[in-house]
Amino acid sequence: MNRSYVVQILVPKETGKGEPVSKEWFDKFLQKLTDEFGGATSYIRAPAKGLWRSGDTTERDDIAVVEVMAAKLAPEFWRSLRERLERELSQEDPIKRNAWDHQ
């Protein structure tokens, strides 16, 4: 049986510093995923709303959803990608309901 995984990556539309994520950055990000997995689908026209609890407050983000089909989960790749998103987008802790948490 051939098994594939759909991996969703939730990308904020603004960095942790409040700056918009550039189209150039996003295009390069999609190209990297396409190179790695043979394709990527993004939902960026109507950004989703992300809400999460941080202490006693509710934080909010506009996010783009990116999906890839993967034949295997490749934990090292996803861990590296998470570190890249944290660094490049100034994120303290990106949403972790992604492949890197399912090892």
PDB file of N, CA and C in Angstrom:
ATOM      1  N   MET A   1       0.839  -1.177   0.000  1.00  0.00           N
ATOM      2  CA  MET A   1       0.000   0.000   0.000  1.00  0.00           C
ATOM      3  C   MET A   1       0.886   1.243   0.000  1.00  0.00           C
ATOM      4  N   ASN A   2       0.632   2.164  -0.928  1.00  0.00           N
ATOM      5  CA  ASN A   2       1.334   3.440  -0.965  1.00  0.00           C
ATOM      6  C   ASN A   2       0.626   4.420  -0.054  1.00  0.00           C
ATOM      7  N   ARG A   3       1.346   4.946   0.890  1.00  0.00           N
ATOM      8  CA  ARG A   3       0.784   5.889   1.840  1.00  0.00           C
ATOM      9  C   ARG A   3       1.384   7.264   1.586  1.00  0.00           C
ATOM     10  N   SER A   4       0.547   8.266   1.611  1.00  0.00           N
ATOM     11  CA  SER A   4       0.990   9.654   1.505  1.00  0.00           C
ATOM     12  C   SER A   4       0.433  10.425   2.681  1.00  0.00           C
ATOM     13  N   TYR A   5       1.108  11.478   3.023  1.00  0.00           N
ATOM     14  CA  TYR A   5       0.693  12.348   4.104  1.00  0.00           C
ATOM     15  C   TYR A   5       0.425  13.741   3.541  1.00  0.00           C
ATOM     16  N   VAL A   6      -0.640  14.365   3.986  1.00  0.00           N
ATOM     17  CA  VAL A   6      -0.881  15.768   3.677  1.00  0.00           C
ATOM     18  C   VAL A   6      -0.360  16.560   4.869  1.00  0.00           C
ATOM     19  N   VAL A   7       0.580  17.437   4.603  1.00  0.00           N
ATOM     20  CA  VAL A   7       1.186  18.238   5.665  1.00  0.00           C
ATOM     21  C   VAL A   7       0.738  19.679   5.477  1.00  0.00           C
ATOM     22  N   GLN A   8       0.152  20.247   6.518  1.00  0.00           N
ATOM     23  CA  GLN A   8      -0.251  21.656   6.489  1.00  0.00           C
ATOM     24  C   GLN A   8       0.771  22.476   7.263  1.00  0.00           C
ATOM     25  N   ILE A   9       1.176  23.575   6.663  1.00  0.00           N
ATOM     26  CA  ILE A   9       2.099  24.507   7.299  1.00  0.00           C
ATOM     27  C   ILE A   9       1.358  25.833   7.400  1.00  0.00           C
ATOM     28  N   LEU A  10       1.232  26.340   8.589  1.00  0.00           N
ATOM     29  CA  LEU A  10       0.521  27.591   8.825  1.00  0.00           C
ATOM     30  C   LEU A  10       1.553  28.706   8.927  1.00  0.00           C
ATOM     31  N   VAL A  11       1.538  29.591   7.945  1.00  0.00           N
ATOM     32  CA  VAL A  11       2.546  30.641   7.838  1.00  0.00           C
ATOM     33  C   VAL A  11       1.892  31.987   8.153  1.00  0.00           C
ATOM     34  N   PRO A  12       2.418  32.719   9.138  1.00  0.00           N
ATOM     35  CA  PRO A  12       1.835  34.023   9.452  1.00  0.00           C
ATOM     36  C   PRO A  12       2.054  35.001   8.305  1.00  0.00           C
ATOM     37  N   LYS A  13       1.107  35.905   8.124  1.00  0.00           N
ATOM     38  CA  LYS A  13       1.231  36.927   7.081  1.00  0.00           C
ATOM     39  C   LYS A  13       2.110  38.085   7.530  1.00  0.00           C
ATOM     40  N   GLU A  14       2.415  38.142   8.846  1.00  0.00           N
ATOM     41  CA  GLU A  14       3.327  39.148   9.399  1.00  0.00           C
ATOM     42  C   GLU A  14       4.365  38.439  10.256  1.00  0.00           C
ATOM     43  N   THR A  15       5.558  39.011  10.310  1.00  0.00           N
ATOM     44  CA  THR A  15       6.602  38.461  11.172  1.00  0.00           C
ATOM     45  C   THR A  15       6.268  38.769  12.626  1.00  0.00           C
ATOM     46  N   GLY A  16       7.022  38.182  13.521  1.00  0.00           N
ATOM     47  CA  GLY A  16       6.861  38.461  14.947  1.00  0.00           C
ATOM     48  C   GLY A  16       7.178  39.904  15.289  1.00  0.00           C
ATOM     49  N   LYS A  17       7.804  40.624  14.361  1.00  0.00           N
ATOM     50  CA  LYS A  17       8.123  42.048  14.553  1.00  0.00           C
ATOM     51  C   LYS A  17       7.049  42.940  13.948  1.00  0.00           C
ATOM     52  N   GLY A  18       5.968  42.336  13.425  1.00  0.00           N
ATOM     53  CA  GLY A  18       4.871  43.114  12.860  1.00  0.00           C
ATOM     54  C   GLY A  18       5.067  43.549  11.419  1.00  0.00           C
ATOM     55  N   GLU A  19       6.104  43.043  10.751  1.00  0.00           N
ATOM     56  CA  GLU A  19       6.360  43.394   9.352  1.00  0.00           C
ATOM     57  C   GLU A  19       5.668  42.382   8.442  1.00  0.00           C
ATOM     58  N   PRO A  20       5.109  42.822   7.320  1.00  0.00           N
ATOM     59  CA  PRO A  20       4.479  41.875   6.395  1.00  0.00           C
ATOM     60  C   PRO A  20       5.504  40.897   5.821  1.00  0.00           C
ATOM     61  N   VAL A  21       5.099  39.645   5.655  1.00  0.00           N
ATOM     62  CA  VAL A  21       5.950  38.667   4.981  1.00  0.00           C
ATOM     63  C   VAL A  21       5.889  39.006   3.496  1.00  0.00           C
ATOM     64  N   SER A  22       7.039  39.182   2.870  1.00  0.00           N
ATOM     65  CA  SER A  22       7.078  39.628   1.478  1.00  0.00           C
ATOM     66  C   SER A  22       6.639  38.529   0.518  1.00  0.00           C
ATOM     67  N   LYS A  23       6.124  38.954  -0.616  1.00  0.00           N
ATOM     68  CA  LYS A  23       5.748  38.011  -1.672  1.00  0.00           C
ATOM     69  C   LYS A  23       6.980  37.238  -2.135  1.00  0.00           C
ATOM     70  N   GLU A  24       8.107  37.907  -2.212  1.00  0.00           N
ATOM     71  CA  GLU A  24       9.354  37.252  -2.628  1.00  0.00           C
ATOM     72  C   GLU A  24       9.721  36.124  -1.655  1.00  0.00           C
ATOM     73  N   TRP A  25       9.632  36.382  -0.338  1.00  0.00           N
ATOM     74  CA  TRP A  25       9.936  35.342   0.641  1.00  0.00           C
ATOM     75  C   TRP A  25       8.981  34.168   0.472  1.00  0.00           C
ATOM     76  N   PHE A  26       7.695  34.471   0.334  1.00  0.00           N
ATOM     77  CA  PHE A  26       6.688  33.430   0.226  1.00  0.00           C
ATOM     78  C   PHE A  26       6.891  32.604  -1.050  1.00  0.00           C
ATOM     79  N   ASP A  27       7.185  33.268  -2.169  1.00  0.00           N
ATOM     80  CA  ASP A  27       7.435  32.555  -3.424  1.00  0.00           C
ATOM     81  C   ASP A  27       8.632  31.610  -3.291  1.00  0.00           C
ATOM     82  N   LYS A  28       9.701  32.067  -2.640  1.00  0.00           N
ATOM     83  CA  LYS A  28      10.876  31.213  -2.436  1.00  0.00           C
ATOM     84  C   LYS A  28      10.541  30.036  -1.523  1.00  0.00           C
ATOM     85  N   PHE A  29       9.725  30.277  -0.522  1.00  0.00           N
ATOM     86  CA  PHE A  29       9.298  29.223   0.397  1.00  0.00           C
ATOM     87  C   PHE A  29       8.514  28.152  -0.365  1.00  0.00           C
ATOM     88  N   LEU A  30       7.574  28.574  -1.210  1.00  0.00           N
ATOM     89  CA  LEU A  30       6.802  27.620  -2.016  1.00  0.00           C
ATOM     90  C   LEU A  30       7.699  26.854  -2.979  1.00  0.00           C
ATOM     91  N   GLN A  31       8.682  27.541  -3.558  1.00  0.00           N
ATOM     92  CA  GLN A  31       9.603  26.867  -4.475  1.00  0.00           C
ATOM     93  C   GLN A  31      10.424  25.813  -3.749  1.00  0.00           C
ATOM     94  N   LYS A  32      10.879  26.112  -2.535  1.00  0.00           N
ATOM     95  CA  LYS A  32      11.633  25.143  -1.733  1.00  0.00           C
ATOM     96  C   LYS A  32      10.797  23.888  -1.488  1.00  0.00           C
ATOM     97  N   LEU A  33       9.525  24.074  -1.123  1.00  0.00           N
ATOM     98  CA  LEU A  33       8.648  22.926  -0.886  1.00  0.00           C
ATOM     99  C   LEU A  33       8.381  22.158  -2.176  1.00  0.00           C
ATOM    100  N   THR A  34       8.230  22.872  -3.282  1.00  0.00           N
ATOM    101  CA  THR A  34       8.023  22.228  -4.579  1.00  0.00           C
ATOM    102  C   THR A  34       9.251  21.410  -4.969  1.00  0.00           C
ATOM    103  N   ASP A  35      10.433  21.973  -4.745  1.00  0.00           N
ATOM    104  CA  ASP A  35      11.666  21.247  -5.047  1.00  0.00           C
ATOM    105  C   ASP A  35      11.775  19.977  -4.199  1.00  0.00           C
ATOM    106  N   GLU A  36      11.363  20.066  -2.938  1.00  0.00           N
ATOM    107  CA  GLU A  36      11.487  18.938  -2.012  1.00  0.00           C
ATOM    108  C   GLU A  36      10.428  17.857  -2.249  1.00  0.00           C
ATOM    109  N   PHE A  37       9.174  18.279  -2.551  1.00  0.00           N
ATOM    110  CA  PHE A  37       8.063  17.330  -2.601  1.00  0.00           C
ATOM    111  C   PHE A  37       7.380  17.222  -3.962  1.00  0.00           C
ATOM    112  N   GLY A  38       7.811  18.006  -4.928  1.00  0.00           N
ATOM    113  CA  GLY A  38       7.223  17.930  -6.252  1.00  0.00           C
ATOM    114  C   GLY A  38       6.005  18.819  -6.432  1.00  0.00           C
ATOM    115  N   GLY A  39       5.640  19.571  -5.400  1.00  0.00           N
ATOM    116  CA  GLY A  39       4.500  20.478  -5.500  1.00  0.00           C
ATOM    117  C   GLY A  39       4.111  21.008  -4.137  1.00  0.00           C
ATOM    118  N   ALA A  40       3.407  22.116  -4.149  1.00  0.00           N
ATOM    119  CA  ALA A  40       2.887  22.731  -2.924  1.00  0.00           C
ATOM    120  C   ALA A  40       1.654  23.533  -3.304  1.00  0.00           C
ATOM    121  N   THR A  41       0.677  23.560  -2.413  1.00  0.00           N
ATOM    122  CA  THR A  41      -0.542  24.335  -2.626  1.00  0.00           C
ATOM    123  C   THR A  41      -0.638  25.366  -1.521  1.00  0.00           C
ATOM    124  N   SER A  42      -0.902  26.621  -1.898  1.00  0.00           N
ATOM    125  CA  SER A  42      -1.028  27.666  -0.887  1.00  0.00           C
ATOM    126  C   SER A  42      -2.406  28.310  -0.974  1.00  0.00           C
ATOM    127  N   TYR A  43      -2.892  28.669   0.181  1.00  0.00           N
ATOM    128  CA  TYR A  43      -4.163  29.375   0.307  1.00  0.00           C
ATOM    129  C   TYR A  43      -3.845  30.714   0.950  1.00  0.00           C
ATOM    130  N   ILE A  44      -3.562  31.729   0.103  1.00  0.00           N
ATOM    131  CA  ILE A  44      -3.117  33.011   0.642  1.00  0.00           C
ATOM    132  C   ILE A  44      -4.046  34.167   0.306  1.00  0.00           C
ATOM    133  N   ARG A  45      -4.953  33.997  -0.620  1.00  0.00           N
ATOM    134  CA  ARG A  45      -5.823  35.098  -1.029  1.00  0.00           C
ATOM    135  C   ARG A  45      -6.776  35.534   0.078  1.00  0.00           C
ATOM    136  N   ALA A  46      -7.348  34.588   0.781  1.00  0.00           N
ATOM    137  CA  ALA A  46      -8.254  34.888   1.891  1.00  0.00           C
ATOM    138  C   ALA A  46      -7.622  34.314   3.151  1.00  0.00           C
ATOM    139  N   PRO A  47      -6.738  35.085   3.791  1.00  0.00           N
ATOM    140  CA  PRO A  47      -6.004  34.498   4.913  1.00  0.00           C
ATOM    141  C   PRO A  47      -6.933  34.007   6.011  1.00  0.00           C
ATOM    142  N   ALA A  48      -6.503  32.918   6.606  1.00  0.00           N
ATOM    143  CA  ALA A  48      -7.225  32.363   7.748  1.00  0.00           C
ATOM    144  C   ALA A  48      -6.876  33.185   8.987  1.00  0.00           C
ATOM    145  N   LYS A  49      -7.695  33.087   9.986  1.00  0.00           N
ATOM    146  CA  LYS A  49      -7.437  33.746  11.264  1.00  0.00           C
ATOM    147  C   LYS A  49      -6.924  32.697  12.236  1.00  0.00           C
ATOM    148  N   GLY A  50      -5.801  32.974  12.850  1.00  0.00           N
ATOM    149  CA  GLY A  50      -5.263  32.079  13.864  1.00  0.00           C
ATOM    150  C   GLY A  50      -5.424  32.722  15.228  1.00  0.00           C
ATOM    151  N   LEU A  51      -5.932  31.965  16.173  1.00  0.00           N
ATOM    152  CA  LEU A  51      -6.086  32.420  17.555  1.00  0.00           C
ATOM    153  C   LEU A  51      -5.401  31.428  18.482  1.00  0.00           C
ATOM    154  N   TRP A  52      -4.734  31.911  19.503  1.00  0.00           N
ATOM    155  CA  TRP A  52      -4.158  31.027  20.502  1.00  0.00           C
ATOM    156  C   TRP A  52      -4.025  31.761  21.822  1.00  0.00           C
ATOM    157  N   ARG A  53      -3.985  30.990  22.892  1.00  0.00           N
ATOM    158  CA  ARG A  53      -3.875  31.551  24.235  1.00  0.00           C
ATOM    159  C   ARG A  53      -2.410  31.764  24.564  1.00  0.00           C
ATOM    160  N   SER A  54      -2.125  32.909  25.154  1.00  0.00           N
ATOM    161  CA  SER A  54      -0.789  33.235  25.641  1.00  0.00           C
ATOM    162  C   SER A  54      -0.979  33.845  27.015  1.00  0.00           C
ATOM    163  N   GLY A  55      -0.850  33.028  28.030  1.00  0.00           N
ATOM    164  CA  GLY A  55      -1.139  33.507  29.384  1.00  0.00           C
ATOM    165  C   GLY A  55      -2.620  33.817  29.511  1.00  0.00           C
ATOM    166  N   ASP A  56      -2.938  35.035  29.895  1.00  0.00           N
ATOM    167  CA  ASP A  56      -4.334  35.444  30.066  1.00  0.00           C
ATOM    168  C   ASP A  56      -4.909  36.140  28.838  1.00  0.00           C
ATOM    169  N   THR A  57      -4.128  36.259  27.778  1.00  0.00           N
ATOM    170  CA  THR A  57      -4.611  36.963  26.588  1.00  0.00           C
ATOM    171  C   THR A  57      -4.777  36.006  25.409  1.00  0.00           C
ATOM    172  N   THR A  58      -5.557  36.436  24.446  1.00  0.00           N
ATOM    173  CA  THR A  58      -5.721  35.691  23.203  1.00  0.00           C
ATOM    174  C   THR A  58      -4.955  36.429  22.115  1.00  0.00           C
ATOM    175  N   GLU A  59      -3.997  35.740  21.508  1.00  0.00           N
ATOM    176  CA  GLU A  59      -3.207  36.303  20.411  1.00  0.00           C
ATOM    177  C   GLU A  59      -3.908  35.995  19.103  1.00  0.00           C
ATOM    178  N   ARG A  60      -3.684  36.833  18.077  1.00  0.00           N
ATOM    179  CA  ARG A  60      -4.318  36.661  16.769  1.00  0.00           C
ATOM    180  C   ARG A  60      -3.281  36.834  15.662  1.00  0.00           C
ATOM    181  N   ASP A  61      -3.476  36.084  14.593  1.00  0.00           N
ATOM    182  CA  ASP A  61      -2.629  36.188  13.402  1.00  0.00           C
ATOM    183  C   ASP A  61      -3.476  35.970  12.164  1.00  0.00           C
ATOM    184  N   ASP A  62      -3.127  36.656  11.095  1.00  0.00           N
ATOM    185  CA  ASP A  62      -3.613  36.276   9.772  1.00  0.00           C
ATOM    186  C   ASP A  62      -2.584  35.288   9.246  1.00  0.00           C
ATOM    187  N   ILE A  63      -3.050  34.153   8.752  1.00  0.00           N
ATOM    188  CA  ILE A  63      -2.126  33.118   8.309  1.00  0.00           C
ATOM    189  C   ILE A  63      -2.473  32.636   6.910  1.00  0.00           C
ATOM    190  N   ALA A  64      -1.459  32.163   6.216  1.00  0.00           N
ATOM    191  CA  ALA A  64      -1.633  31.460   4.954  1.00  0.00           C
ATOM    192  C   ALA A  64      -1.452  29.979   5.255  1.00  0.00           C
ATOM    193  N   VAL A  65      -2.208  29.148   4.589  1.00  0.00           N
ATOM    194  CA  VAL A  65      -2.092  27.701   4.745  1.00  0.00           C
ATOM    195  C   VAL A  65      -1.379  27.157   3.510  1.00  0.00           C
ATOM    196  N   VAL A  66      -0.332  26.382   3.747  1.00  0.00           N
ATOM    197  CA  VAL A  66       0.412  25.741   2.665  1.00  0.00           C
ATOM    198  C   VAL A  66       0.324  24.240   2.898  1.00  0.00           C
ATOM    199  N   GLU A  67       0.014  23.500   1.845  1.00  0.00           N
ATOM    200  CA  GLU A  67      -0.079  22.045   1.945  1.00  0.00           C
ATOM    201  C   GLU A  67       0.879  21.379   0.972  1.00  0.00           C
ATOM    202  N   VAL A  68       1.463  20.288   1.423  1.00  0.00           N
ATOM    203  CA  VAL A  68       2.280  19.444   0.557  1.00  0.00           C
ATOM    204  C   VAL A  68       1.880  17.995   0.787  1.00  0.00           C
ATOM    205  N   MET A  69       2.056  17.181  -0.227  1.00  0.00           N
ATOM    206  CA  MET A  69       1.870  15.733  -0.126  1.00  0.00           C
ATOM    207  C   MET A  69       3.260  15.130   0.031  1.00  0.00           C
ATOM    208  N   ALA A  70       3.420  14.306   1.059  1.00  0.00           N
ATOM    209  CA  ALA A  70       4.718  13.708   1.326  1.00  0.00           C
ATOM    210  C   ALA A  70       4.573  12.193   1.411  1.00  0.00           C
ATOM    211  N   ALA A  71       5.489  11.471   0.775  1.00  0.00           N
ATOM    212  CA  ALA A  71       5.480  10.010   0.836  1.00  0.00           C
ATOM    213  C   ALA A  71       5.952   9.523   2.200  1.00  0.00           C
ATOM    214  N   LYS A  72       6.814  10.325   2.847  1.00  0.00           N
ATOM    215  CA  LYS A  72       7.266  10.007   4.202  1.00  0.00           C
ATOM    216  C   LYS A  72       7.372  11.311   4.977  1.00  0.00           C
ATOM    217  N   LEU A  73       7.395  11.212   6.285  1.00  0.00           N
ATOM    218  CA  LEU A  73       7.348  12.421   7.105  1.00  0.00           C
ATOM    219  C   LEU A  73       8.683  13.143   7.239  1.00  0.00           C
ATOM    220  N   ALA A  74       9.792  12.472   7.152  1.00  0.00           N
ATOM    221  CA  ALA A  74      11.120  13.091   7.183  1.00  0.00           C
ATOM    222  C   ALA A  74      11.280  14.085   8.335  1.00  0.00           C
ATOM    223  N   PRO A  75      11.315  13.599   9.583  1.00  0.00           N
ATOM    224  CA  PRO A  75      11.379  14.488  10.742  1.00  0.00           C
ATOM    225  C   PRO A  75      12.511  15.513  10.706  1.00  0.00           C
ATOM    226  N   GLU A  76      13.675  15.142  10.190  1.00  0.00           N
ATOM    227  CA  GLU A  76      14.793  16.090  10.152  1.00  0.00           C
ATOM    228  C   GLU A  76      14.481  17.284   9.243  1.00  0.00           C
ATOM    229  N   PHE A  77      13.837  17.018   8.100  1.00  0.00           N
ATOM    230  CA  PHE A  77      13.463  18.108   7.202  1.00  0.00           C
ATOM    231  C   PHE A  77      12.511  19.064   7.906  1.00  0.00           C
ATOM    232  N   TRP A  78      11.480  18.517   8.571  1.00  0.00           N
ATOM    233  CA  TRP A  78      10.473  19.373   9.210  1.00  0.00           C
ATOM    234  C   TRP A  78      11.050  20.138  10.396  1.00  0.00           C
ATOM    235  N   ARG A  79      11.951  19.515  11.123  1.00  0.00           N
ATOM    236  CA  ARG A  79      12.609  20.207  12.237  1.00  0.00           C
ATOM    237  C   ARG A  79      13.427  21.380  11.703  1.00  0.00           C
ATOM    238  N   SER A  80      14.149  21.141  10.628  1.00  0.00           N
ATOM    239  CA  SER A  80      14.942  22.200  10.008  1.00  0.00           C
ATOM    240  C   SER A  80      14.045  23.320   9.478  1.00  0.00           C
ATOM    241  N   LEU A  81      12.923  22.942   8.879  1.00  0.00           N
ATOM    242  CA  LEU A  81      11.989  23.945   8.361  1.00  0.00           C
ATOM    243  C   LEU A  81      11.409  24.782   9.501  1.00  0.00           C
ATOM    244  N   ARG A  82      11.056  24.136  10.603  1.00  0.00           N
ATOM    245  CA  ARG A  82      10.531  24.874  11.759  1.00  0.00           C
ATOM    246  C   ARG A  82      11.548  25.888  12.245  1.00  0.00           C
ATOM    247  N   GLU A  83      12.806  25.480  12.351  1.00  0.00           N
ATOM    248  CA  GLU A  83      13.861  26.403  12.790  1.00  0.00           C
ATOM    249  C   GLU A  83      14.010  27.564  11.817  1.00  0.00           C
ATOM    250  N   ARG A  84      13.894  27.281  10.532  1.00  0.00           N
ATOM    251  CA  ARG A  84      13.976  28.343   9.526  1.00  0.00           C
ATOM    252  C   ARG A  84      12.829  29.337   9.690  1.00  0.00           C
ATOM    253  N   LEU A  85      11.609  28.840   9.871  1.00  0.00           N
ATOM    254  CA  LEU A  85      10.460  29.728  10.048  1.00  0.00           C
ATOM    255  C   LEU A  85      10.606  30.566  11.318  1.00  0.00           C
ATOM    256  N   GLU A  86      11.060  29.954  12.379  1.00  0.00           N
ATOM    257  CA  GLU A  86      11.276  30.701  13.623  1.00  0.00           C
ATOM    258  C   GLU A  86      12.263  31.836  13.396  1.00  0.00           C
ATOM    259  N   ARG A  87      13.359  31.538  12.715  1.00  0.00           N
ATOM    260  CA  ARG A  87      14.423  32.516  12.487  1.00  0.00           C
ATOM    261  C   ARG A  87      13.992  33.604  11.491  1.00  0.00           C
ATOM    262  N   GLU A  88      13.531  33.200  10.320  1.00  0.00           N
ATOM    263  CA  GLU A  88      13.249  34.163   9.255  1.00  0.00           C
ATOM    264  C   GLU A  88      12.001  34.996   9.512  1.00  0.00           C
ATOM    265  N   LEU A  89      11.042  34.444  10.254  1.00  0.00           N
ATOM    266  CA  LEU A  89       9.798  35.175  10.495  1.00  0.00           C
ATOM    267  C   LEU A  89       9.715  35.717  11.923  1.00  0.00           C
ATOM    268  N   SER A  90      10.821  35.613  12.660  1.00  0.00           N
ATOM    269  CA  SER A  90      10.877  36.112  14.044  1.00  0.00           C
ATOM    270  C   SER A  90       9.724  35.567  14.873  1.00  0.00           C
ATOM    271  N   GLN A  91       9.520  34.265  14.775  1.00  0.00           N
ATOM    272  CA  GLN A  91       8.449  33.610  15.524  1.00  0.00           C
ATOM    273  C   GLN A  91       9.032  32.946  16.756  1.00  0.00           C
ATOM    274  N   GLU A  92       8.385  33.147  17.890  1.00  0.00           N
ATOM    275  CA  GLU A  92       8.846  32.506  19.122  1.00  0.00           C
ATOM    276  C   GLU A  92       8.552  31.018  19.099  1.00  0.00           C
ATOM    277  N   ASP A  93       7.388  30.641  18.590  1.00  0.00           N
ATOM    278  CA  ASP A  93       6.970  29.243  18.644  1.00  0.00           C
ATOM    279  C   ASP A  93       5.899  29.014  17.591  1.00  0.00           C
ATOM    280  N   PRO A  94       6.289  28.669  16.338  1.00  0.00           N
ATOM    281  CA  PRO A  94       5.265  28.487  15.308  1.00  0.00           C
ATOM    282  C   PRO A  94       4.285  27.383  15.685  1.00  0.00           C
ATOM    283  N   ILE A  95       3.126  27.436  15.113  1.00  0.00           N
ATOM    284  CA  ILE A  95       2.114  26.422  15.384  1.00  0.00           C
ATOM    285  C   ILE A  95       2.704  25.070  15.032  1.00  0.00           C
ATOM    286  N   LYS A  96       2.549  24.109  15.927  1.00  0.00           N
ATOM    287  CA  LYS A  96       3.260  22.840  15.781  1.00  0.00           C
ATOM    288  C   LYS A  96       2.366  21.669  15.444  1.00  0.00           C
ATOM    289  N   ARG A  97       1.187  21.893  14.898  1.00  0.00           N
ATOM    290  CA  ARG A  97       0.371  20.752  14.469  1.00  0.00           C
ATOM    291  C   ARG A  97       0.791  20.357  13.064  1.00  0.00           C
ATOM    292  N   ASN A  98       2.046  20.081  12.922  1.00  0.00           N
ATOM    293  CA  ASN A  98       2.611  19.727  11.624  1.00  0.00           C
ATOM    294  C   ASN A  98       3.406  18.438  11.762  1.00  0.00           C
ATOM    295  N   ALA A  99       4.009  18.007  10.690  1.00  0.00           N
ATOM    296  CA  ALA A  99       4.705  16.720  10.656  1.00  0.00           C
ATOM    297  C   ALA A  99       5.812  16.624  11.685  1.00  0.00           C
ATOM    298  N   TRP A 100       6.478  17.725  12.045  1.00  0.00           N
ATOM    299  CA  TRP A 100       7.587  17.611  12.964  1.00  0.00           C
ATOM    300  C   TRP A 100       7.157  17.177  14.358  1.00  0.00           C
ATOM    301  N   ASP A 101       5.874  17.190  14.666  1.00  0.00           N
ATOM    302  CA  ASP A 101       5.411  16.737  15.965  1.00  0.00           C
ATOM    303  C   ASP A 101       4.925  15.291  15.936  1.00  0.00           C
ATOM    304  N   HIS A 102       4.896  14.671  14.765  1.00  0.00           N
ATOM    305  CA  HIS A 102       4.374  13.313  14.657  1.00  0.00           C
ATOM    306  C   HIS A 102       5.501  12.359  14.298  1.00  0.00           C
ATOM    307  N   GLN A 103       6.408  12.156  15.229  1.00  0.00           N
ATOM    308  CA  GLN A 103       7.574  11.319  14.960  1.00  0.00           C
ATOM    309  C   GLN A 103       7.405   9.955  15.559  1.00  0.00           C
TER     310      GLN A 103
END
